[in-house]
C-alpha atoms as a PDB file:
ATOM      1  CA  MET A   1      -5.860   4.781 -18.376  1.00  0.00           C
ATOM      2  CA  LYS A   2      -6.268   4.014 -14.675  1.00  0.00           C
ATOM      3  CA  VAL A   3      -2.464   3.785 -14.287  1.00  0.00           C
ATOM      4  CA  LYS A   4      -0.080   6.101 -16.109  1.00  0.00           C
ATOM      5  CA  LEU A   5       3.626   5.523 -16.698  1.00  0.00           C
ATOM      6  CA  GLU A   6       5.471   8.748 -17.440  1.00  0.00           C
ATOM      7  CA  ARG A   7       9.143   9.621 -17.906  1.00  0.00           C
ATOM      8  CA  ASP A   8      10.520  12.562 -15.960  1.00  0.00           C
ATOM      9  CA  SER A   9      12.524  15.285 -17.695  1.00  0.00           C
ATOM     10  CA  ASP A  10      15.446  13.398 -16.175  1.00  0.00           C
ATOM     11  CA  GLU A  11      15.068  10.062 -17.955  1.00  0.00           C
ATOM     12  CA  ARG A  12      16.475   8.213 -14.961  1.00  0.00           C
ATOM     13  CA  ILE A  13      13.178   8.758 -13.116  1.00  0.00           C
ATOM     14  CA  ALA A  14       9.887   7.057 -14.030  1.00  0.00           C
ATOM     15  CA  TRP A  15       6.551   8.180 -12.564  1.00  0.00           C
ATOM     16  CA  VAL A  16       3.848   5.576 -11.964  1.00  0.00           C
ATOM     17  CA  LYS A  17       0.548   7.376 -11.300  1.00  0.00           C
ATOM     18  CA  LEU A  18      -2.676   5.870  -9.981  1.00  0.00           C
ATOM     19  CA  ASN A  19      -5.316   7.593 -12.105  1.00  0.00           C
ATOM     20  CA  TYR A  20      -8.777   6.832 -10.754  1.00  0.00           C
ATOM     21  CA  PRO A  21      -9.440   9.973  -8.675  1.00  0.00           C
ATOM     22  CA  GLU A  22     -13.232   9.817  -9.037  1.00  0.00           C
ATOM     23  CA  ARG A  23     -13.106   6.694  -6.819  1.00  0.00           C
ATOM     24  CA  MET A  24     -10.164   7.813  -4.627  1.00  0.00           C
ATOM     25  CA  ASN A  25      -7.786   5.634  -6.682  1.00  0.00           C
ATOM     26  CA  VAL A  26      -9.263   2.405  -5.310  1.00  0.00           C
ATOM     27  CA  LEU A  27      -7.513  -0.708  -6.515  1.00  0.00           C
ATOM     28  CA  HIS A  28      -9.552  -3.104  -8.652  1.00  0.00           C
ATOM     29  CA  LEU A  29      -8.226  -6.171 -10.444  1.00  0.00           C
ATOM     30  CA  GLY A  30      -7.751  -4.474 -13.804  1.00  0.00           C
ATOM     31  CA  MET A  31      -5.937  -1.598 -12.145  1.00  0.00           C
ATOM     32  CA  LEU A  32      -3.636  -4.013 -10.310  1.00  0.00           C
ATOM     33  CA  LYS A  33      -2.710  -5.640 -13.607  1.00  0.00           C
ATOM     34  CA  ASP A  34      -2.029  -2.227 -15.159  1.00  0.00           C
ATOM     35  CA  LEU A  35       0.037  -1.211 -12.131  1.00  0.00           C
ATOM     36  CA  TYR A  36       2.084  -4.396 -12.356  1.00  0.00           C
ATOM     37  CA  SER A  37       2.610  -3.798 -16.083  1.00  0.00           C
ATOM     38  CA  ALA A  38       3.748  -0.194 -15.522  1.00  0.00           C
ATOM     39  CA  LEU A  39       6.144  -1.214 -12.749  1.00  0.00           C
ATOM     40  CA  THR A  40       7.506  -4.049 -14.885  1.00  0.00           C
ATOM     41  CA  LYS A  41       8.195  -1.670 -17.787  1.00  0.00           C
ATOM     42  CA  ALA A  42      10.023   0.715 -15.453  1.00  0.00           C
ATOM     43  CA  ASP A  43      11.952  -2.180 -13.927  1.00  0.00           C
ATOM     44  CA  ARG A  44      13.046  -3.435 -17.361  1.00  0.00           C
ATOM     45  CA  ASP A  45      13.953   0.007 -18.731  1.00  0.00           C
ATOM     46  CA  ASP A  46      17.730   0.284 -18.510  1.00  0.00           C
ATOM     47  CA  LYS A  47      17.543   4.094 -18.527  1.00  0.00           C
ATOM     48  CA  VAL A  48      15.391   4.173 -15.375  1.00  0.00           C
ATOM     49  CA  SER A  49      17.109   4.167 -11.974  1.00  0.00           C
ATOM     50  CA  ALA A  50      14.265   5.359  -9.727  1.00  0.00           C
ATOM     51  CA  ILE A  51      10.492   4.851  -9.726  1.00  0.00           C
ATOM     52  CA  ILE A  52       8.120   7.276  -7.999  1.00  0.00           C
ATOM     53  CA  ILE A  53       4.590   6.024  -7.271  1.00  0.00           C
ATOM     54  CA  THR A  54       1.907   8.630  -6.679  1.00  0.00           C
ATOM     55  CA  GLY A  55      -1.824   9.227  -7.049  1.00  0.00           C
ATOM     56  CA  GLU A  56      -3.734  11.703  -9.175  1.00  0.00           C
ATOM     57  CA  GLY A  57      -6.453  13.992  -7.834  1.00  0.00           C
ATOM     58  CA  GLY A  58      -4.907  14.870  -4.480  1.00  0.00           C
ATOM     59  CA  VAL A  59      -5.278  11.357  -3.083  1.00  0.00           C
ATOM     60  CA  PHE A  60      -2.937   8.363  -3.055  1.00  0.00           C
ATOM     61  CA  SER A  61      -5.297   5.381  -2.697  1.00  0.00           C
ATOM     62  CA  ALA A  62      -8.230   4.298  -0.542  1.00  0.00           C
ATOM     63  CA  GLY A  63      -7.247   0.638  -0.948  1.00  0.00           C
ATOM     64  CA  ALA A  64      -9.115  -2.293  -2.455  1.00  0.00           C
ATOM     65  CA  ASP A  65     -12.305  -1.674  -4.402  1.00  0.00           C
ATOM     66  CA  LEU A  66     -14.889  -2.802  -1.852  1.00  0.00           C
ATOM     67  CA  ARG A  67     -17.640  -3.065  -4.457  1.00  0.00           C
ATOM     68  CA  GLU A  68     -15.520  -5.520  -6.433  1.00  0.00           C
ATOM     69  CA  ILE A  69     -14.281  -7.765  -3.635  1.00  0.00           C
ATOM     70  CA  MET A  70     -17.740  -8.056  -2.033  1.00  0.00           C
ATOM     71  CA  LYS A  71     -18.906  -9.921  -5.154  1.00  0.00           C
ATOM     72  CA  GLN A  72     -16.073 -12.439  -5.270  1.00  0.00           C
ATOM     73  CA  ASP A  73     -16.107 -16.102  -4.364  1.00  0.00           C
ATOM     74  CA  PHE A  74     -13.129 -17.709  -2.639  1.00  0.00           C
ATOM     75  CA  LYS A  75     -11.185 -18.502  -5.808  1.00  0.00           C
ATOM     76  CA  GLU A  76     -11.688 -15.013  -7.191  1.00  0.00           C
ATOM     77  CA  GLY A  77     -10.542 -13.546  -3.888  1.00  0.00           C
ATOM     78  CA  VAL A  78      -7.361 -15.612  -3.947  1.00  0.00           C
ATOM     79  CA  ARG A  79      -6.627 -14.465  -7.499  1.00  0.00           C
ATOM     80  CA  TRP A  80      -7.272 -10.823  -6.592  1.00  0.00           C
ATOM     81  CA  LEU A  81      -4.872 -11.049  -3.660  1.00  0.00           C
ATOM     82  CA  LYS A  82      -2.271 -12.816  -5.800  1.00  0.00           C
ATOM     83  CA  ALA A  83      -2.411  -9.964  -8.330  1.00  0.00           C
ATOM     84  CA  TYR A  84      -2.072  -7.494  -5.474  1.00  0.00           C
ATOM     85  CA  TRP A  85       0.855  -9.330  -3.947  1.00  0.00           C
ATOM     86  CA  ASP A  86       2.616  -9.498  -7.320  1.00  0.00           C
ATOM     87  CA  VAL A  87       2.629  -5.675  -7.296  1.00  0.00           C
ATOM     88  CA  LEU A  88       3.951  -5.459  -3.737  1.00  0.00           C
ATOM     89  CA  GLU A  89       6.618  -8.066  -4.359  1.00  0.00           C
ATOM     90  CA  LEU A  90       7.853  -6.306  -7.488  1.00  0.00           C
ATOM     91  CA  VAL A  91       8.234  -3.079  -5.488  1.00  0.00           C
ATOM     92  CA  ARG A  92      10.231  -4.996  -2.874  1.00  0.00           C
ATOM     93  CA  GLU A  93      12.295  -6.989  -5.406  1.00  0.00           C
ATOM     94  CA  THR A  94      13.371  -4.435  -7.991  1.00  0.00           C
ATOM     95  CA  GLY A  95      16.977  -3.318  -7.779  1.00  0.00           C
ATOM     96  CA  LYS A  96      15.800   0.229  -8.456  1.00  0.00           C
ATOM     97  CA  LEU A  97      14.836   2.847  -5.888  1.00  0.00           C
ATOM     98  CA  VAL A  98      11.065   3.066  -5.304  1.00  0.00           C
ATOM     99  CA  ILE A  99       9.640   6.181  -3.642  1.00  0.00           C
ATOM    100  CA  ALA A 100       6.021   6.829  -2.685  1.00  0.00           C
ATOM    101  CA  ALA A 101       4.850  10.434  -3.071  1.00  0.00           C
ATOM    102  CA  VAL A 102       1.704  10.717  -0.975  1.00  0.00           C
ATOM    103  CA  LYS A 103      -1.074  13.268  -0.651  1.00  0.00           C
ATOM    104  CA  GLY A 104      -4.538  12.775   0.816  1.00  0.00           C
ATOM    105  CA  ALA A 105      -5.918   9.372   1.780  1.00  0.00           C
ATOM    106  CA  CYS A 106      -3.385   6.552   1.895  1.00  0.00           C
ATOM    107  CA  VAL A 107      -5.233   3.752   3.624  1.00  0.00           C
ATOM    108  CA  ALA A 108      -5.793   0.001   3.611  1.00  0.00           C
ATOM    109  CA  GLY A 109      -4.243  -1.544   0.470  1.00  0.00           C
ATOM    110  CA  GLY A 110      -2.932   1.852  -0.577  1.00  0.00           C
ATOM    111  CA  HIS A 111      -1.080   2.150   2.711  1.00  0.00           C
ATOM    112  CA  GLU A 112       0.337  -1.363   2.334  1.00  0.00           C
ATOM    113  CA  LEU A 113       1.682  -0.419  -1.097  1.00  0.00           C
ATOM    114  CA  VAL A 114       3.416   2.594   0.455  1.00  0.00           C
ATOM    115  CA  ILE A 115       4.831   0.460   3.274  1.00  0.00           C
ATOM    116  CA  MET A 116       6.581  -1.688   0.674  1.00  0.00           C
ATOM    117  CA  CYS A 117       8.290   1.284  -0.999  1.00  0.00           C
ATOM    118  CA  ASP A 118      11.904   2.112  -0.118  1.00  0.00           C
ATOM    119  CA  LEU A 119      11.215   5.712   0.884  1.00  0.00           C
ATOM    120  CA  VAL A 120       8.104   7.839   1.481  1.00  0.00           C
ATOM    121  CA  VAL A 121       7.519  11.566   0.991  1.00  0.00           C
ATOM    122  CA  ALA A 122       4.230  12.829   2.409  1.00  0.00           C
ATOM    123  CA  GLY A 123       2.300  16.045   2.001  1.00  0.00           C
ATOM    124  CA  LYS A 124       0.664  17.543   5.062  1.00  0.00           C
ATOM    125  CA  SER A 125      -2.764  16.447   3.803  1.00  0.00           C
ATOM    126  CA  ALA A 126      -1.729  12.772   3.833  1.00  0.00           C
ATOM    127  CA  ARG A 127      -3.538  10.368   6.142  1.00  0.00           C
ATOM    128  CA  PHE A 128      -2.220   6.874   6.765  1.00  0.00           C
ATOM    129  CA  GLY A 129      -3.776   3.775   8.281  1.00  0.00           C
ATOM    130  CA  GLN A 130      -5.359   0.340   8.094  1.00  0.00           C
ATOM    131  CA  PRO A 131      -9.126   0.806   8.608  1.00  0.00           C
ATOM    132  CA  GLU A 132     -10.086  -2.580   7.086  1.00  0.00           C
ATOM    133  CA  ILE A 133     -11.410  -3.830  10.416  1.00  0.00           C
ATOM    134  CA  LEU A 134     -14.320  -1.387  10.129  1.00  0.00           C
ATOM    135  CA  VAL A 135     -15.694  -3.277   7.121  1.00  0.00           C
ATOM    136  CA  GLY A 136     -14.749  -6.706   8.448  1.00  0.00           C
ATOM    137  CA  SER A 137     -11.597  -7.209   6.379  1.00  0.00           C
ATOM    138  CA  THR A 138      -8.157  -8.179   7.672  1.00  0.00           C
ATOM    139  CA  ALA A 139      -5.335  -5.782   6.654  1.00  0.00           C
ATOM    140  CA  MET A 140      -3.294  -8.917   5.984  1.00  0.00           C
ATOM    141  CA  GLY A 141      -2.038  -7.783   2.595  1.00  0.00           C
ATOM    142  CA  GLY A 142       1.075  -6.617   4.431  1.00  0.00           C
ATOM    143  CA  GLY A 143      -0.241  -4.168   7.012  1.00  0.00           C
ATOM    144  CA  VAL A 144      -0.689  -6.580   9.906  1.00  0.00           C
ATOM    145  CA  GLN A 145       2.655  -8.191   9.151  1.00  0.00           C
ATOM    146  CA  MET A 146       4.774  -5.111   8.482  1.00  0.00           C
ATOM    147  CA  LEU A 147       3.469  -2.547  10.959  1.00  0.00           C
ATOM    148  CA  PRO A 148       4.853  -4.307  14.079  1.00  0.00           C
ATOM    149  CA  LEU A 149       8.262  -4.410  12.397  1.00  0.00           C
ATOM    150  CA  ILE A 150       8.187  -0.697  11.557  1.00  0.00           C
ATOM    151  CA  ILE A 151       6.392   0.943  14.481  1.00  0.00           C
ATOM    152  CA  GLY A 152       6.357  -1.719  17.215  1.00  0.00           C
ATOM    153  CA  GLU A 153       3.758  -4.293  18.203  1.00  0.00           C
ATOM    154  CA  LYS A 154       1.633  -2.272  20.628  1.00  0.00           C
ATOM    155  CA  ARG A 155       1.386   0.709  18.301  1.00  0.00           C
ATOM    156  CA  ALA A 156       0.541  -1.623  15.427  1.00  0.00           C
ATOM    157  CA  ARG A 157      -2.199  -3.268  17.473  1.00  0.00           C
ATOM    158  CA  GLU A 158      -3.695   0.112  18.300  1.00  0.00           C
ATOM    159  CA  LEU A 159      -3.598   1.224  14.685  1.00  0.00           C
ATOM    160  CA  VAL A 160      -5.282  -1.866  13.216  1.00  0.00           C
ATOM    161  CA  PHE A 161      -7.738  -2.447  16.111  1.00  0.00           C
ATOM    162  CA  THR A 162      -9.017   1.140  16.273  1.00  0.00           C
ATOM    163  CA  ALA A 163      -8.736   1.926  12.532  1.00  0.00           C
ATOM    164  CA  ARG A 164      -7.378   5.340  13.513  1.00  0.00           C
ATOM    165  CA  LEU A 165      -5.767   7.311  10.714  1.00  0.00           C
ATOM    166  CA  LEU A 166      -2.425   9.023  11.271  1.00  0.00           C
ATOM    167  CA  SER A 167      -1.550  12.513  10.127  1.00  0.00           C
ATOM    168  CA  ALA A 168       1.589  12.921   8.031  1.00  0.00           C
ATOM    169  CA  GLU A 169       3.459  14.251  11.053  1.00  0.00           C
ATOM    170  CA  GLU A 170       2.346  11.326  13.247  1.00  0.00           C
ATOM    171  CA  ALA A 171       3.401   8.875  10.529  1.00  0.00           C
ATOM    172  CA  TYR A 172       6.785  10.605  10.376  1.00  0.00           C
ATOM    173  CA  GLN A 173       7.228  10.354  14.144  1.00  0.00           C
ATOM    174  CA  LEU A 174       6.411   6.625  14.040  1.00  0.00           C
ATOM    175  CA  GLY A 175       8.854   5.936  11.209  1.00  0.00           C
ATOM    176  CA  LEU A 176       6.344   5.288   8.415  1.00  0.00           C
ATOM    177  CA  VAL A 177       7.390   8.385   6.462  1.00  0.00           C
ATOM    178  CA  ASN A 178      10.818   9.814   5.600  1.00  0.00           C
ATOM    179  CA  ARG A 179       9.918  13.433   4.820  1.00  0.00           C
ATOM    180  CA  VAL A 180       6.879  15.681   5.320  1.00  0.00           C
ATOM    181  CA  VAL A 181       6.422  18.768   3.141  1.00  0.00           C
ATOM    182  CA  GLU A 182       3.663  21.063   1.944  1.00  0.00           C
ATOM    183  CA  ASP A 183       1.356  19.341  -0.533  1.00  0.00           C
ATOM    184  CA  GLU A 184       2.539  21.444  -3.450  1.00  0.00           C
ATOM    185  CA  GLU A 185       6.123  20.328  -2.779  1.00  0.00           C
ATOM    186  CA  VAL A 186       5.512  16.561  -2.624  1.00  0.00           C
ATOM    187  CA  GLU A 187       6.456  15.743  -6.219  1.00  0.00           C
ATOM    188  CA  ASN A 188       9.502  18.037  -6.166  1.00  0.00           C
ATOM    189  CA  GLU A 189      10.691  16.594  -2.869  1.00  0.00           C
ATOM    190  CA  ALA A 190      10.250  13.013  -4.097  1.00  0.00           C
ATOM    191  CA  ARG A 191      12.185  13.857  -7.231  1.00  0.00           C
ATOM    192  CA  LYS A 192      14.908  15.572  -5.200  1.00  0.00           C
ATOM    193  CA  LEU A 193      15.189  12.517  -2.945  1.00  0.00           C
ATOM    194  CA  ALA A 194      15.408  10.194  -5.952  1.00  0.00           C
ATOM    195  CA  LEU A 195      18.241  12.247  -7.456  1.00  0.00           C
ATOM    196  CA  GLU A 196      19.995  12.397  -4.090  1.00  0.00           C
ATOM    197  CA  VAL A 197      20.318   8.631  -4.325  1.00  0.00           C
ATOM    198  CA  VAL A 198      20.873   7.970  -8.036  1.00  0.00           C
ATOM    199  CA  ASP A 199      23.392  10.796  -8.448  1.00  0.00           C
ATOM    200  CA  ARG A 200      25.623   9.603  -5.648  1.00  0.00           C
ATOM    201  CA  VAL A 201      25.395   5.916  -4.752  1.00  0.00           C
ATOM    202  CA  SER A 202      26.662   2.695  -6.276  1.00  0.00           C
ATOM    203  CA  PRO A 203      23.828   0.795  -8.047  1.00  0.00           C
ATOM    204  CA  GLN A 204      25.490  -2.511  -7.228  1.00  0.00           C
ATOM    205  CA  ALA A 205      25.803  -1.692  -3.541  1.00  0.00           C
ATOM    206  CA  PHE A 206      22.240  -0.343  -3.497  1.00  0.00           C
ATOM    207  CA  ARG A 207      20.903  -3.583  -4.940  1.00  0.00           C
ATOM    208  CA  VAL A 208      22.777  -5.721  -2.409  1.00  0.00           C
ATOM    209  CA  ILE A 209      21.761  -3.529   0.542  1.00  0.00           C
ATOM    210  CA  LYS A 210      18.098  -3.487  -0.553  1.00  0.00           C
ATOM    211  CA  SER A 211      18.141  -7.279  -0.879  1.00  0.00           C
ATOM    212  CA  CYS A 212      19.609  -7.669   2.596  1.00  0.00           C
ATOM    213  CA  LEU A 213      17.105  -5.229   4.098  1.00  0.00           C
ATOM    214  CA  LYS A 214      14.345  -7.248   2.418  1.00  0.00           C
ATOM    215  CA  TYR A 215      15.372 -10.227   4.552  1.00  0.00           C
ATOM    216  CA  TRP A 216      13.719  -8.605   7.580  1.00  0.00           C
ATOM    217  CA  THR A 217      10.483  -7.944   5.740  1.00  0.00           C
ATOM    218  CA  ASP A 218      10.553 -11.484   4.334  1.00  0.00           C
ATOM    219  CA  LEU A 219      10.436 -12.747   7.922  1.00  0.00           C
ATOM    220  CA  ALA A 220       7.381 -10.582   8.544  1.00  0.00           C
ATOM    221  CA  MET A 221       5.694 -11.960   5.418  1.00  0.00           C
ATOM    222  CA  LEU A 222       6.293 -15.684   6.051  1.00  0.00           C
ATOM    223  CA  ASN A 223       2.552 -16.243   6.529  1.00  0.00           C
ATOM    224  CA  TRP A 224       1.597 -14.547   3.254  1.00  0.00           C
ATOM    225  CA  GLN A 225      -0.064 -17.576   1.608  1.00  0.00           C
ATOM    226  CA  LEU A 226      -2.066 -18.339   4.762  1.00  0.00           C
ATOM    227  CA  ALA A 227      -3.020 -14.660   5.093  1.00  0.00           C
ATOM    228  CA  ARG A 228      -4.122 -14.632   1.442  1.00  0.00           C
ATOM    229  CA  ASP A 229      -6.409 -17.641   1.804  1.00  0.00           C
ATOM    230  CA  LEU A 230      -7.853 -16.557   5.148  1.00  0.00           C
ATOM    231  CA  THR A 231      -8.594 -13.107   3.772  1.00  0.00           C
ATOM    232  CA  ALA A 232     -10.270 -14.574   0.674  1.00  0.00           C
ATOM    233  CA  MET A 233     -12.432 -16.688   3.030  1.00  0.00           C
ATOM    234  CA  VAL A 234     -13.310 -13.629   5.132  1.00  0.00           C
ATOM    235  CA  TRP A 235     -14.387 -11.801   1.959  1.00  0.00           C
ATOM    236  CA  THR A 236     -17.022 -14.495   1.282  1.00  0.00           C
ATOM    237  CA  SER A 237     -18.495 -14.273   4.799  1.00  0.00           C
ATOM    238  CA  GLU A 238     -21.916 -12.912   5.718  1.00  0.00           C
ATOM    239  CA  GLU A 239     -20.355 -10.576   8.293  1.00  0.00           C
ATOM    240  CA  PHE A 240     -17.977  -8.977   5.773  1.00  0.00           C
ATOM    241  CA  ARG A 241     -20.655  -8.461   3.169  1.00  0.00           C
ATOM    242  CA  GLU A 242     -23.072  -7.030   5.720  1.00  0.00           C
ATOM    243  CA  ARG A 243     -20.497  -4.559   7.025  1.00  0.00           C
ATOM    244  CA  GLY A 244     -19.323  -3.700   3.520  1.00  0.00           C
ATOM    245  CA  LYS A 245     -22.895  -2.942   2.434  1.00  0.00           C
ATOM    246  CA  ASN A 246     -23.434  -0.753   5.505  1.00  0.00           C
ATOM    247  CA  PHE A 247     -20.190   1.110   4.817  1.00  0.00           C
ATOM    248  CA  LEU A 248     -21.070   1.805   1.181  1.00  0.00           C
ATOM    249  CA  GLU A 249     -24.555   2.961   2.191  1.00  0.00           C
ATOM    250  CA  LYS A 250     -23.106   5.078   5.041  1.00  0.00           C
ATOM    251  CA  ARG A 251     -25.064   3.205   7.709  1.00  0.00           C
ATOM    252  CA  LYS A 252     -23.844   2.109  11.119  1.00  0.00           C
ATOM    253  CA  PRO A 253     -23.054  -1.623  11.278  1.00  0.00           C
ATOM    254  CA  THR A 254     -25.043  -3.974  13.471  1.00  0.00           C
ATOM    255  CA  PRO A 255     -22.911  -4.776  16.545  1.00  0.00           C
ATOM    256  CA  ARG A 256     -21.825  -8.387  16.914  1.00  0.00           C
ATOM    257  CA  ARG A 257     -20.438 -10.164  19.939  1.00  0.00           C
ATOM    258  CA  PHE A 258     -16.725 -10.814  20.332  1.00  0.00           C
ATOM    259  CA  LEU A 259     -15.989 -14.485  20.952  1.00  0.00           C
ATOM    260  CA  GLY A 260     -13.834 -16.121  23.614  1.00  0.00           C
ATOM    261  CA  ILE A 261     -12.136 -19.499  23.259  1.00  0.00           C
ATOM    262  CA  THR A 262     -12.294 -20.922  26.801  1.00  0.00           C
ATOM    263  CA  PRO A 263     -14.204 -24.236  26.822  1.00  0.00           C
ATOM    264  CA  TYR A 264     -17.142 -24.721  29.205  1.00  0.00           C
END
């Protein structure tokens, strides 16, 4: 199983674990469907109050499976992104607490998944960022839209334009992470944080507050359908497939010129 759904010793907590460590928990279409199914089961389980999403093998997720999306035509790309967005939207919509417990690489689509969670606990090995631009992709599965809201526009521009990865401490300072602990304490800290909420707060009030907070992220995501289609078009381009091939083969990409828009 590439995604595991496990019940904690406290049945109010469900663990959703990305389980593809040999490929850094990259997200392919089948895995997205399994992830959506696991999250749906946790959402529908009346005994569950909190969901913790984590990755196996000391890594959270390296994002979309580049080998898969490089082979897709436009329609397949749109369907892939729709499956991905269904996962993100469920995380944002559920009336249950969703916590990301992060170690190792948490980049691209993996980082966008974490952005959508209510709270984030990071180990000191965690690295966060949106490096899609290096392979010619867009980071428009939520990263481009949400980062300016969370960390400010200029910082967001720097992060997506340079593809720089943030340490756990840097992500904490910018407001992307709630708590930073030693790697071996990540799961315990996430569990402790979940219980801190479910033991003490009103579920009804939590649901209303989460819905109202979602209003701000809804504003950021108004262009989602356009972003989906543009990204699917980018994935079919010669430039994307050239850069993707170079990345997978660990070769430097061929430089291309940046274009202006001023008419002659």
